[in-house]
Amino acid sequence: YWKTAPTQLGVCVDETWAVAITLYDP
């Protein structure tokens, strides 16, 4: 899933790993 403000990507891989990439870009 995407979220905004800040840009954030959330991914769950094979019910094993949760990954969140948060991009702060003022």
PDB file of all heavy atoms in Angstrom:
ATOM      1  N   TYR A   1       0.825  -1.208   0.000  1.00  0.00           N
ATOM      2  CA  TYR A   1       0.000   0.000   0.000  1.00  0.00           C
ATOM      3  C   TYR A   1       0.856   1.253   0.000  1.00  0.00           C
ATOM      4  O   TYR A   1       1.959   1.273   0.542  1.00  0.00           O
ATOM      5  CB  TYR A   1      -0.885   0.042   1.255  1.00  0.00           C
ATOM      6  CG  TYR A   1      -1.843  -1.108   1.348  1.00  0.00           C
ATOM      7  CD1 TYR A   1      -1.467  -2.303   1.940  1.00  0.00           C
ATOM      8  CD2 TYR A   1      -3.126  -1.000   0.827  1.00  0.00           C
ATOM      9  CE1 TYR A   1      -2.343  -3.372   2.025  1.00  0.00           C
ATOM     10  CE2 TYR A   1      -4.009  -2.068   0.900  1.00  0.00           C
ATOM     11  CZ  TYR A   1      -3.609  -3.243   1.499  1.00  0.00           C
ATOM     12  OH  TYR A   1      -4.484  -4.296   1.571  1.00  0.00           O
ATOM     13  N   TRP A   2       0.324   2.349  -0.578  1.00  0.00           N
ATOM     14  CA  TRP A   2       0.927   3.674  -0.494  1.00  0.00           C
ATOM     15  C   TRP A   2       0.217   4.469   0.585  1.00  0.00           C
ATOM     16  O   TRP A   2      -0.992   4.316   0.774  1.00  0.00           O
ATOM     17  CB  TRP A   2       0.717   4.470  -1.772  1.00  0.00           C
ATOM     18  CG  TRP A   2       1.528   4.124  -2.949  1.00  0.00           C
ATOM     19  CD1 TRP A   2       1.040   3.756  -4.173  1.00  0.00           C
ATOM     20  CD2 TRP A   2       2.946   4.138  -3.076  1.00  0.00           C
ATOM     21  NE1 TRP A   2       2.084   3.530  -5.036  1.00  0.00           N
ATOM     22  CE2 TRP A   2       3.270   3.760  -4.391  1.00  0.00           C
ATOM     23  CE3 TRP A   2       4.000   4.414  -2.190  1.00  0.00           C
ATOM     24  CZ2 TRP A   2       4.569   3.667  -4.852  1.00  0.00           C
ATOM     25  CZ3 TRP A   2       5.294   4.325  -2.650  1.00  0.00           C
ATOM     26  CH2 TRP A   2       5.569   3.961  -3.966  1.00  0.00           C
ATOM     27  N   LYS A   3       0.941   5.338   1.217  1.00  0.00           N
ATOM     28  CA  LYS A   3       0.374   6.399   2.041  1.00  0.00           C
ATOM     29  C   LYS A   3       1.052   7.684   1.585  1.00  0.00           C
ATOM     30  O   LYS A   3       2.121   7.650   1.000  1.00  0.00           O
ATOM     31  CB  LYS A   3       0.682   6.182   3.533  1.00  0.00           C
ATOM     32  CG  LYS A   3      -0.172   5.110   4.176  1.00  0.00           C
ATOM     33  CD  LYS A   3       0.247   4.745   5.571  1.00  0.00           C
ATOM     34  CE  LYS A   3       0.335   5.829   6.561  1.00  0.00           C
ATOM     35  NZ  LYS A   3       0.618   5.363   7.919  1.00  0.00           N
ATOM     36  N   THR A   4       0.439   8.804   1.850  1.00  0.00           N
ATOM     37  CA  THR A   4       1.047  10.079   1.490  1.00  0.00           C
ATOM     38  C   THR A   4       1.232  10.941   2.728  1.00  0.00           C
ATOM     39  O   THR A   4       0.661  10.672   3.773  1.00  0.00           O
ATOM     40  CB  THR A   4       0.182  10.828   0.471  1.00  0.00           C
ATOM     41  OG1 THR A   4      -1.127  10.998   1.018  1.00  0.00           O
ATOM     42  CG2 THR A   4       0.084  10.065  -0.834  1.00  0.00           C
ATOM     43  N   ALA A   5       2.036  11.981   2.577  1.00  0.00           N
ATOM     44  CA  ALA A   5       2.324  12.983   3.621  1.00  0.00           C
ATOM     45  C   ALA A   5       2.884  12.377   4.895  1.00  0.00           C
ATOM     46  O   ALA A   5       2.217  12.367   5.905  1.00  0.00           O
ATOM     47  CB  ALA A   5       1.092  13.824   3.921  1.00  0.00           C
ATOM     48  N   PRO A   6       4.053  11.871   4.950  1.00  0.00           N
ATOM     49  CA  PRO A   6       5.035  11.764   3.877  1.00  0.00           C
ATOM     50  C   PRO A   6       4.744  10.553   2.991  1.00  0.00           C
ATOM     51  O   PRO A   6       3.917   9.721   3.333  1.00  0.00           O
ATOM     52  CB  PRO A   6       6.353  11.557   4.628  1.00  0.00           C
ATOM     53  CG  PRO A   6       5.948  10.810   5.858  1.00  0.00           C
ATOM     54  CD  PRO A   6       4.585  11.360   6.213  1.00  0.00           C
ATOM     55  N   THR A   7       5.455  10.479   1.876  1.00  0.00           N
ATOM     56  CA  THR A   7       5.315   9.324   0.990  1.00  0.00           C
ATOM     57  C   THR A   7       5.772   8.089   1.739  1.00  0.00           C
ATOM     58  O   THR A   7       6.874   8.037   2.257  1.00  0.00           O
ATOM     59  CB  THR A   7       6.172   9.513  -0.282  1.00  0.00           C
ATOM     60  OG1 THR A   7       5.703  10.677  -0.971  1.00  0.00           O
ATOM     61  CG2 THR A   7       6.078   8.297  -1.181  1.00  0.00           C
ATOM     62  N   GLN A   8       4.909   7.096   1.809  1.00  0.00           N
ATOM     63  CA  GLN A   8       5.248   5.872   2.540  1.00  0.00           C
ATOM     64  C   GLN A   8       4.732   4.659   1.769  1.00  0.00           C
ATOM     65  O   GLN A   8       3.599   4.636   1.314  1.00  0.00           O
ATOM     66  CB  GLN A   8       4.650   5.904   3.935  1.00  0.00           C
ATOM     67  CG  GLN A   8       5.190   4.821   4.832  1.00  0.00           C
ATOM     68  CD  GLN A   8       4.762   5.027   6.274  1.00  0.00           C
ATOM     69  OE1 GLN A   8       3.587   5.256   6.549  1.00  0.00           O
ATOM     70  NE2 GLN A   8       5.717   4.951   7.171  1.00  0.00           N
ATOM     71  N   LEU A   9       5.608   3.680   1.642  1.00  0.00           N
ATOM     72  CA  LEU A   9       5.289   2.423   0.994  1.00  0.00           C
ATOM     73  C   LEU A   9       5.296   1.350   2.068  1.00  0.00           C
ATOM     74  O   LEU A   9       6.271   1.218   2.803  1.00  0.00           O
ATOM     75  CB  LEU A   9       6.345   2.116  -0.071  1.00  0.00           C
ATOM     76  CG  LEU A   9       6.386   0.705  -0.649  1.00  0.00           C
ATOM     77  CD1 LEU A   9       5.110   0.399  -1.401  1.00  0.00           C
ATOM     78  CD2 LEU A   9       7.599   0.556  -1.556  1.00  0.00           C
ATOM     79  N   GLY A  10       4.222   0.604   2.176  1.00  0.00           N
ATOM     80  CA  GLY A  10       4.154  -0.515   3.112  1.00  0.00           C
ATOM     81  C   GLY A  10       3.938  -1.800   2.347  1.00  0.00           C
ATOM     82  O   GLY A  10       3.034  -1.886   1.521  1.00  0.00           O
ATOM     83  N   VAL A  11       4.793  -2.794   2.590  1.00  0.00           N
ATOM     84  CA  VAL A  11       4.700  -4.064   1.892  1.00  0.00           C
ATOM     85  C   VAL A  11       4.824  -5.182   2.907  1.00  0.00           C
ATOM     86  O   VAL A  11       5.628  -5.110   3.834  1.00  0.00           O
ATOM     87  CB  VAL A  11       5.830  -4.227   0.846  1.00  0.00           C
ATOM     88  CG1 VAL A  11       5.690  -5.548   0.105  1.00  0.00           C
ATOM     89  CG2 VAL A  11       5.846  -3.069  -0.134  1.00  0.00           C
ATOM     90  N   CYS A  12       4.028  -6.217   2.725  1.00  0.00           N
ATOM     91  CA  CYS A  12       4.163  -7.417   3.545  1.00  0.00           C
ATOM     92  C   CYS A  12       4.504  -8.550   2.583  1.00  0.00           C
ATOM     93  O   CYS A  12       3.831  -8.757   1.583  1.00  0.00           O
ATOM     94  CB  CYS A  12       2.872  -7.700   4.298  1.00  0.00           C
ATOM     95  SG  CYS A  12       3.135  -8.780   5.714  1.00  0.00           S
ATOM     96  N   VAL A  13       5.592  -9.248   2.880  1.00  0.00           N
ATOM     97  CA  VAL A  13       6.129 -10.269   1.990  1.00  0.00           C
ATOM     98  C   VAL A  13       5.854 -11.654   2.552  1.00  0.00           C
ATOM     99  O   VAL A  13       6.360 -11.998   3.619  1.00  0.00           O
ATOM    100  CB  VAL A  13       7.650 -10.071   1.798  1.00  0.00           C
ATOM    101  CG1 VAL A  13       8.208 -11.114   0.861  1.00  0.00           C
ATOM    102  CG2 VAL A  13       7.956  -8.666   1.313  1.00  0.00           C
ATOM    103  N   ASP A  14       5.050 -12.438   1.850  1.00  0.00           N
ATOM    104  CA  ASP A  14       4.797 -13.838   2.195  1.00  0.00           C
ATOM    105  C   ASP A  14       4.407 -14.058   3.661  1.00  0.00           C
ATOM    106  O   ASP A  14       4.809 -15.048   4.271  1.00  0.00           O
ATOM    107  CB  ASP A  14       6.031 -14.699   1.882  1.00  0.00           C
ATOM    108  CG  ASP A  14       6.401 -14.655   0.419  1.00  0.00           C
ATOM    109  OD1 ASP A  14       5.486 -14.532  -0.417  1.00  0.00           O
ATOM    110  OD2 ASP A  14       7.603 -14.738   0.107  1.00  0.00           O
ATOM    111  N   GLU A  15       3.638 -13.113   4.229  1.00  0.00           N
ATOM    112  CA  GLU A  15       3.229 -13.217   5.643  1.00  0.00           C
ATOM    113  C   GLU A  15       4.438 -13.395   6.564  1.00  0.00           C
ATOM    114  O   GLU A  15       4.337 -13.935   7.653  1.00  0.00           O
ATOM    115  CB  GLU A  15       2.236 -14.370   5.851  1.00  0.00           C
ATOM    116  CG  GLU A  15       0.889 -14.168   5.188  1.00  0.00           C
ATOM    117  CD  GLU A  15       0.048 -13.076   5.830  1.00  0.00           C
ATOM    118  OE1 GLU A  15       0.066 -12.923   7.056  1.00  0.00           O
ATOM    119  OE2 GLU A  15      -0.657 -12.368   5.083  1.00  0.00           O
ATOM    120  N   THR A  16       5.617 -12.937   6.117  1.00  0.00           N
ATOM    121  CA  THR A  16       6.851 -13.096   6.884  1.00  0.00           C
ATOM    122  C   THR A  16       7.485 -11.768   7.247  1.00  0.00           C
ATOM    123  O   THR A  16       7.850 -11.545   8.391  1.00  0.00           O
ATOM    124  CB  THR A  16       7.867 -13.933   6.074  1.00  0.00           C
ATOM    125  OG1 THR A  16       7.280 -15.202   5.790  1.00  0.00           O
ATOM    126  CG2 THR A  16       9.154 -14.142   6.844  1.00  0.00           C
ATOM    127  N   TRP A  17       7.642 -10.871   6.268  1.00  0.00           N
ATOM    128  CA  TRP A  17       8.332  -9.603   6.487  1.00  0.00           C
ATOM    129  C   TRP A  17       7.409  -8.423   6.250  1.00  0.00           C
ATOM    130  O   TRP A  17       6.722  -8.365   5.244  1.00  0.00           O
ATOM    131  CB  TRP A  17       9.526  -9.455   5.536  1.00  0.00           C
ATOM    132  CG  TRP A  17      10.556 -10.504   5.707  1.00  0.00           C
ATOM    133  CD1 TRP A  17      10.822 -11.531   4.849  1.00  0.00           C
ATOM    134  CD2 TRP A  17      11.445 -10.661   6.799  1.00  0.00           C
ATOM    135  NE1 TRP A  17      11.827 -12.309   5.348  1.00  0.00           N
ATOM    136  CE2 TRP A  17      12.231 -11.801   6.553  1.00  0.00           C
ATOM    137  CE3 TRP A  17      11.656  -9.969   7.974  1.00  0.00           C
ATOM    138  CZ2 TRP A  17      13.209 -12.244   7.430  1.00  0.00           C
ATOM    139  CZ3 TRP A  17      12.632 -10.412   8.850  1.00  0.00           C
ATOM    140  CH2 TRP A  17      13.387 -11.534   8.568  1.00  0.00           C
ATOM    141  N   ALA A  18       7.425  -7.472   7.158  1.00  0.00           N
ATOM    142  CA  ALA A  18       6.771  -6.190   6.969  1.00  0.00           C
ATOM    143  C   ALA A  18       7.861  -5.188   6.641  1.00  0.00           C
ATOM    144  O   ALA A  18       8.884  -5.134   7.320  1.00  0.00           O
ATOM    145  CB  ALA A  18       6.042  -5.777   8.240  1.00  0.00           C
ATOM    146  N   VAL A  19       7.654  -4.435   5.586  1.00  0.00           N
ATOM    147  CA  VAL A  19       8.625  -3.437   5.158  1.00  0.00           C
ATOM    148  C   VAL A  19       7.889  -2.110   5.000  1.00  0.00           C
ATOM    149  O   VAL A  19       6.813  -2.066   4.402  1.00  0.00           O
ATOM    150  CB  VAL A  19       9.259  -3.828   3.805  1.00  0.00           C
ATOM    151  CG1 VAL A  19      10.213  -2.749   3.320  1.00  0.00           C
ATOM    152  CG2 VAL A  19       9.959  -5.173   3.907  1.00  0.00           C
ATOM    153  N   ALA A  20       8.461  -1.056   5.546  1.00  0.00           N
ATOM    154  CA  ALA A  20       7.936   0.288   5.321  1.00  0.00           C
ATOM    155  C   ALA A  20       9.087   1.164   4.853  1.00  0.00           C
ATOM    156  O   ALA A  20      10.135   1.203   5.485  1.00  0.00           O
ATOM    157  CB  ALA A  20       7.317   0.858   6.586  1.00  0.00           C
ATOM    158  N   ILE A  21       8.882   1.821   3.743  1.00  0.00           N
ATOM    159  CA  ILE A  21       9.843   2.779   3.203  1.00  0.00           C
ATOM    160  C   ILE A  21       9.178   4.145   3.338  1.00  0.00           C
ATOM    161  O   ILE A  21       8.123   4.385   2.750  1.00  0.00           O
ATOM    162  CB  ILE A  21      10.145   2.517   1.708  1.00  0.00           C
ATOM    163  CG1 ILE A  21      10.567   1.075   1.466  1.00  0.00           C
ATOM    164  CG2 ILE A  21      11.158   3.531   1.190  1.00  0.00           C
ATOM    165  CD1 ILE A  21      11.841   0.653   2.116  1.00  0.00           C
ATOM    166  N   THR A  22       9.771   5.026   4.130  1.00  0.00           N
ATOM    167  CA  THR A  22       9.212   6.358   4.331  1.00  0.00           C
ATOM    168  C   THR A  22      10.172   7.379   3.752  1.00  0.00           C
ATOM    169  O   THR A  22      11.350   7.402   4.102  1.00  0.00           O
ATOM    170  CB  THR A  22       8.976   6.642   5.828  1.00  0.00           C
ATOM    171  OG1 THR A  22       8.181   5.585   6.376  1.00  0.00           O
ATOM    172  CG2 THR A  22       8.263   7.966   6.022  1.00  0.00           C
ATOM    173  N   LEU A  23       9.661   8.210   2.874  1.00  0.00           N
ATOM    174  CA  LEU A  23      10.460   9.206   2.175  1.00  0.00           C
ATOM    175  C   LEU A  23      10.053  10.586   2.666  1.00  0.00           C
ATOM    176  O   LEU A  23       8.908  10.989   2.506  1.00  0.00           O
ATOM    177  CB  LEU A  23      10.199   9.064   0.671  1.00  0.00           C
ATOM    178  CG  LEU A  23      11.031   9.840  -0.302  1.00  0.00           C
ATOM    179  CD1 LEU A  23      12.487   9.373  -0.266  1.00  0.00           C
ATOM    180  CD2 LEU A  23      10.474   9.662  -1.705  1.00  0.00           C
ATOM    181  N   TYR A  24      10.991  11.283   3.294  1.00  0.00           N
ATOM    182  CA  TYR A  24      10.761  12.650   3.755  1.00  0.00           C
ATOM    183  C   TYR A  24      11.450  13.578   2.764  1.00  0.00           C
ATOM    184  O   TYR A  24      12.667  13.526   2.602  1.00  0.00           O
ATOM    185  CB  TYR A  24      11.329  12.850   5.160  1.00  0.00           C
ATOM    186  CG  TYR A  24      10.697  11.924   6.167  1.00  0.00           C
ATOM    187  CD1 TYR A  24      11.296  10.716   6.501  1.00  0.00           C
ATOM    188  CD2 TYR A  24       9.480  12.250   6.757  1.00  0.00           C
ATOM    189  CE1 TYR A  24      10.702   9.861   7.408  1.00  0.00           C
ATOM    190  CE2 TYR A  24       8.875  11.385   7.665  1.00  0.00           C
ATOM    191  CZ  TYR A  24       9.501  10.202   7.986  1.00  0.00           C
ATOM    192  OH  TYR A  24       8.911   9.349   8.876  1.00  0.00           O
ATOM    193  N   ASP A  25      10.666  14.391   2.088  1.00  0.00           N
ATOM    194  CA  ASP A  25      11.179  15.228   1.011  1.00  0.00           C
ATOM    195  C   ASP A  25      10.549  16.618   1.109  1.00  0.00           C
ATOM    196  O   ASP A  25       9.617  16.937   0.374  1.00  0.00           O
ATOM    197  CB  ASP A  25      10.852  14.566  -0.326  1.00  0.00           C
ATOM    198  CG  ASP A  25      11.436  15.292  -1.508  1.00  0.00           C
ATOM    199  OD1 ASP A  25      12.135  16.302  -1.317  1.00  0.00           O
ATOM    200  OD2 ASP A  25      11.174  14.842  -2.642  1.00  0.00           O
ATOM    201  N   PRO A  26      11.056  17.463   2.007  1.00  0.00           N
ATOM    202  CA  PRO A  26      10.423  18.763   2.218  1.00  0.00           C
ATOM    203  C   PRO A  26      10.448  19.681   0.996  1.00  0.00           C
ATOM    204  O   PRO A  26       9.606  20.571   0.880  1.00  0.00           O
ATOM    205  CB  PRO A  26      11.223  19.367   3.375  1.00  0.00           C
ATOM    206  CG  PRO A  26      12.514  18.644   3.388  1.00  0.00           C
ATOM    207  CD  PRO A  26      12.233  17.270   2.840  1.00  0.00           C
TER     208      PRO A  26
END
